[in-house]
Structures are given as C-alpha cells and as structure tokens.
Protein backbone atom coordinates (compact mmCIF):
# COMPACT_ATOMS: atom_id res chain seq x y z
CA MET A 1 -25.09 31.30 19.51
CA VAL A 2 -24.95 29.70 16.07
CA THR A 3 -26.63 31.61 13.27
CA GLY A 4 -27.01 31.02 9.55
CA PRO A 5 -27.94 27.86 7.59
CA GLY A 6 -28.55 24.88 9.85
CA ALA A 7 -28.47 26.95 13.05
CA GLY A 8 -31.26 24.87 14.60
CA GLN A 9 -29.69 21.52 13.70
CA PRO A 10 -27.72 19.35 16.10
CA VAL A 11 -23.92 19.59 15.91
CA VAL A 12 -23.56 16.18 14.22
CA GLN A 13 -25.89 17.19 11.38
CA ARG A 14 -24.08 20.51 10.89
CA LEU A 15 -20.73 18.71 10.88
CA GLY A 16 -22.03 16.18 8.33
CA ALA A 17 -23.31 18.97 6.08
CA ALA A 18 -19.98 20.80 6.35
CA LEU A 19 -18.09 17.61 5.42
CA ARG A 20 -20.35 17.03 2.42
CA ARG A 21 -19.75 20.63 1.23
CA GLU A 22 -15.98 20.16 1.59
CA ARG A 23 -16.10 16.86 -0.27
CA GLU A 24 -18.08 18.46 -3.09
CA ALA A 25 -15.60 21.35 -3.24
CA TYR A 26 -12.71 18.86 -3.37
CA ASP A 27 -14.26 16.51 -5.96
CA PRO A 28 -17.22 18.18 -7.72
CA GLY A 29 -17.97 15.10 -9.85
CA GLY A 30 -17.82 12.74 -6.89
CA ASP A 31 -15.55 10.29 -8.71
CA ARG A 32 -13.05 9.83 -5.88
CA PRO A 33 -14.01 7.13 -3.34
CA ILE A 34 -13.35 9.35 -0.32
CA GLY A 35 -15.33 7.08 2.04
CA GLY A 36 -13.26 4.13 0.85
CA TYR A 37 -10.06 6.06 1.52
CA VAL A 38 -11.27 6.81 5.04
CA ALA A 39 -12.04 3.11 5.59
CA VAL A 40 -8.61 2.02 4.34
CA MET A 41 -6.86 4.67 6.47
CA ALA A 42 -8.85 3.56 9.51
CA THR A 43 -7.90 -0.06 8.84
CA TYR A 44 -4.22 0.87 8.59
CA VAL A 45 -4.30 2.98 11.76
CA GLY A 46 -6.16 0.17 13.54
CA GLY A 47 -3.54 -2.33 12.39
CA ILE A 48 -0.69 -0.10 13.54
CA SER A 49 -2.40 0.41 16.90
CA ALA A 50 -2.88 -3.34 17.34
CA LEU A 51 0.72 -4.04 16.32
CA THR A 52 1.99 -1.41 18.76
CA ALA A 53 -0.10 -2.89 21.58
CA VAL A 54 1.15 -6.41 20.86
CA VAL A 55 4.78 -5.25 20.75
CA ARG A 56 4.41 -3.36 24.03
CA ARG A 57 2.66 -6.25 25.73
CA SER A 58 5.30 -8.73 24.52
CA GLY A 59 8.08 -6.71 26.14
CA ARG A 60 10.33 -7.40 23.16
CA PRO A 61 13.07 -4.86 22.59
CA LEU A 62 12.78 -2.77 19.46
CA PRO A 63 15.52 -3.39 16.93
CA ALA A 64 17.96 -0.60 16.14
CA PRO A 65 18.40 -0.94 12.38
CA GLY A 66 21.60 0.28 10.81
CA PRO A 67 22.06 1.60 7.27
CA TRP A 68 22.55 -1.89 5.81
CA ASP A 69 19.35 -3.08 7.47
CA VAL A 70 17.48 -0.18 5.92
CA LEU A 71 18.87 -0.99 2.46
CA LEU A 72 18.06 -4.68 2.90
CA THR A 73 14.51 -3.83 3.96
CA ALA A 74 14.13 -1.33 1.10
CA GLY A 75 15.12 -3.95 -1.46
CA ALA A 76 12.70 -6.46 0.04
CA VAL A 77 9.82 -3.97 0.25
CA HIS A 78 10.44 -2.88 -3.34
CA ARG A 79 10.34 -6.44 -4.67
CA LEU A 80 7.45 -7.70 -2.56
CA SER A 81 5.38 -4.60 -3.37
CA ARG A 82 5.83 -5.18 -7.10
CA VAL A 83 5.03 -8.89 -6.73
CA LEU A 84 1.80 -8.08 -4.90
CA ALA A 85 0.73 -5.21 -7.19
CA LYS A 86 1.89 -6.32 -10.63
CA ASP A 87 2.88 -10.01 -10.82
CA PRO A 88 0.71 -12.35 -12.92
CA VAL A 89 0.88 -15.04 -10.22
CA THR A 90 -0.72 -12.74 -7.62
CA SER A 91 -3.47 -11.58 -10.00
CA PRO A 92 -6.08 -13.87 -8.34
CA PHE A 93 -5.80 -11.67 -5.21
CA ARG A 94 -6.40 -8.53 -7.29
CA LEU A 95 -9.12 -10.10 -9.46
CA PRO A 96 -12.14 -8.89 -7.42
CA PHE A 97 -10.92 -5.29 -7.71
CA THR A 98 -9.38 -5.08 -11.20
CA ARG A 99 -9.87 -5.81 -14.89
CA PHE A 100 -7.02 -7.33 -16.90
CA ARG A 101 -5.76 -5.14 -19.76
CA GLY A 102 -2.56 -6.88 -20.82
CA GLN A 103 1.15 -7.04 -20.15
CA ALA A 104 2.77 -3.94 -18.66
CA GLY A 105 6.34 -5.12 -18.95
CA PRO A 106 8.46 -8.15 -18.16
CA ALA A 107 6.46 -10.32 -15.72
CA GLU A 108 4.05 -7.47 -14.90
CA LEU A 109 0.39 -6.92 -15.71
CA ASP A 110 -1.57 -3.83 -16.66
CA GLU A 111 -4.89 -3.80 -14.82
CA ASP A 112 -7.70 -1.27 -14.52
CA VAL A 113 -9.36 -0.64 -11.19
CA ARG A 114 -13.07 -1.42 -11.16
CA GLY A 115 -16.01 -0.84 -8.89
CA SER A 116 -16.80 2.05 -6.59
CA GLY A 117 -16.45 2.95 -2.94
CA VAL A 118 -14.31 0.62 -0.85
CA ARG A 119 -13.97 -1.84 -3.75
CA ARG A 120 -12.44 0.87 -5.93
CA THR A 121 -10.21 2.04 -3.08
CA VAL A 122 -8.87 -1.47 -2.49
CA GLY A 123 -8.35 -1.82 -6.25
CA GLU A 124 -6.30 1.38 -6.30
CA LEU A 125 -4.31 0.13 -3.32
CA VAL A 126 -3.53 -3.37 -4.61
CA THR A 127 -2.50 -2.23 -8.10
CA CYS A 128 -0.10 0.48 -6.90
CA PRO A 129 3.34 -0.72 -5.77
CA PHE A 130 3.90 2.62 -4.03
CA CYS A 131 0.65 2.24 -2.06
CA VAL A 132 1.15 -1.43 -1.22
CA GLY A 133 4.72 -0.55 -0.20
CA LEU A 134 3.53 1.21 2.95
CA TRP A 135 1.63 -1.88 4.08
CA VAL A 136 4.53 -4.19 3.17
CA ALA A 137 7.07 -1.98 4.97
CA THR A 138 4.85 -1.98 8.04
CA ALA A 139 4.50 -5.78 7.98
CA VAL A 140 8.25 -6.27 7.48
CA THR A 141 9.03 -3.82 10.30
CA GLY A 142 6.65 -5.68 12.61
CA ALA A 143 8.19 -9.00 11.59
CA GLN A 144 11.63 -7.62 12.45
CA VAL A 145 10.46 -7.25 16.06
CA PHE A 146 9.00 -10.76 16.40
CA ALA A 147 11.26 -12.83 14.14
CA PRO A 148 14.36 -10.78 13.36
CA ARG A 149 16.53 -13.60 11.99
CA ALA A 150 13.84 -15.09 9.77
CA THR A 151 12.80 -11.63 8.57
CA ARG A 152 16.38 -10.71 7.77
CA LEU A 153 16.78 -13.95 5.82
CA ALA A 154 13.57 -13.30 3.86
CA CYS A 155 14.63 -9.69 3.21
CA SER A 156 18.02 -10.93 1.98
CA GLY A 157 16.35 -13.22 -0.53
CA LEU A 158 13.95 -10.55 -1.76
CA THR A 159 16.71 -7.95 -2.01
CA ALA A 160 18.86 -10.41 -3.97
CA LEU A 161 15.91 -10.85 -6.33
CA THR A 162 15.59 -7.08 -6.65
CA VAL A 163 19.27 -6.76 -7.60
CA ALA A 164 18.93 -9.70 -10.01
CA ASP A 165 15.98 -7.95 -11.69
CA PHE A 166 18.08 -4.84 -12.23
CA LEU A 167 20.86 -7.01 -13.68
CA HIS A 168 18.34 -8.64 -16.06
CA PHE A 169 17.26 -5.20 -17.26
CA ALA A 170 20.87 -4.06 -17.61
CA ARG A 171 21.77 -7.15 -19.63
CA ALA A 172 18.69 -6.75 -21.85
CA GLY A 173 19.61 -3.08 -22.38
CA LEU A 174 23.15 -4.02 -23.37
CA HIS A 175 21.85 -6.57 -25.87
CA GLU A 176 19.60 -3.95 -27.46
CA HIS A 177 22.62 -1.70 -28.04
CA VAL A 178 24.84 -4.52 -29.33
CA ASP A 179 22.34 -5.96 -31.80
C-alpha cells in the first residue's frame, strides 16, 4: 500500500510528480531545456534503431575497420563536425537556432544559442562540434556499411583537409615567431 503525498493518485501522476521534483532538484532555475534534451535523445535512438533495422534487413556484412580506418574516420568526423557547427557557409542551417556574435577564429563563427525548449536544445547541438560529432560519426559509420568505397573516399578528402588545417595553423604559428 502506498502512503504519503499523492497516495490516492494513479501511478502515472505520481511518476510525473516525482520527475518534476527531480528536475527541480537538478536545475532549480529551470534554465536547462531538459524536455528538449529528451526529444533529441529520442530522435537519436530512433535513428540508430532505424539504421540498425535497415542494415539487418539488407543483409550487408558489417565492415571490420582497422586502425587506419579509425584514424581516417576520426579526421573526417573532426572536420565535418567543425564545418557544420562553426563554418560561415553553414550558418544558414544554424540561423533559426542561433544569434551571430562575430568571428571565433579563422573561418569560424561565434554564435549564441537562442530560444527555449527544443529550439534551444537544437541550437546547443548545432553549435557544438563535440555534440554534432556524435551524429556525424554515426552517419559516417552507417555510410561505411552501404557505400564503403565512396565513404572512404569522402573520409580521405575530409581527413586531408583536417591535416591541411593543422599545417596552416603550424605555418601561421611559425610566421608569428619569425616576424
């Protein structure tokens, strides 16, 4: 027998009240878009579930990536994540969720997240290369199952761009010390 506050309420109502108390204890001001985070997590899990079902149904063998494949993929995910989250050219995709602040570095923008709820959550996601990286890595991994050669070629190009970026920074750093 349940006793105490809400003892006569249905289980769903008691559970909802308990979740609200926990949310308040976690974020007393209510500034964090917890519901938005739940929606984004559910979308990701749904996408992974759909991808898994499609892979299983296709009967395609899963690739067995070696160390070089992992490095190639890492370079590509790094570059593509930064392009999506920081590049001026991709700012129209972030525009509904952000406010332009200025330049953040070479070919990167500084943007503030705007809105609340799911809008704020998506804004946090699309402006964070670390956050976008999970989605990009998942997409690249899925592409490696369905189009391994094309994906490897694309990853090679993006990884080459990543290395070139580091060389640009190294060269700029050397010029600062020489001048």
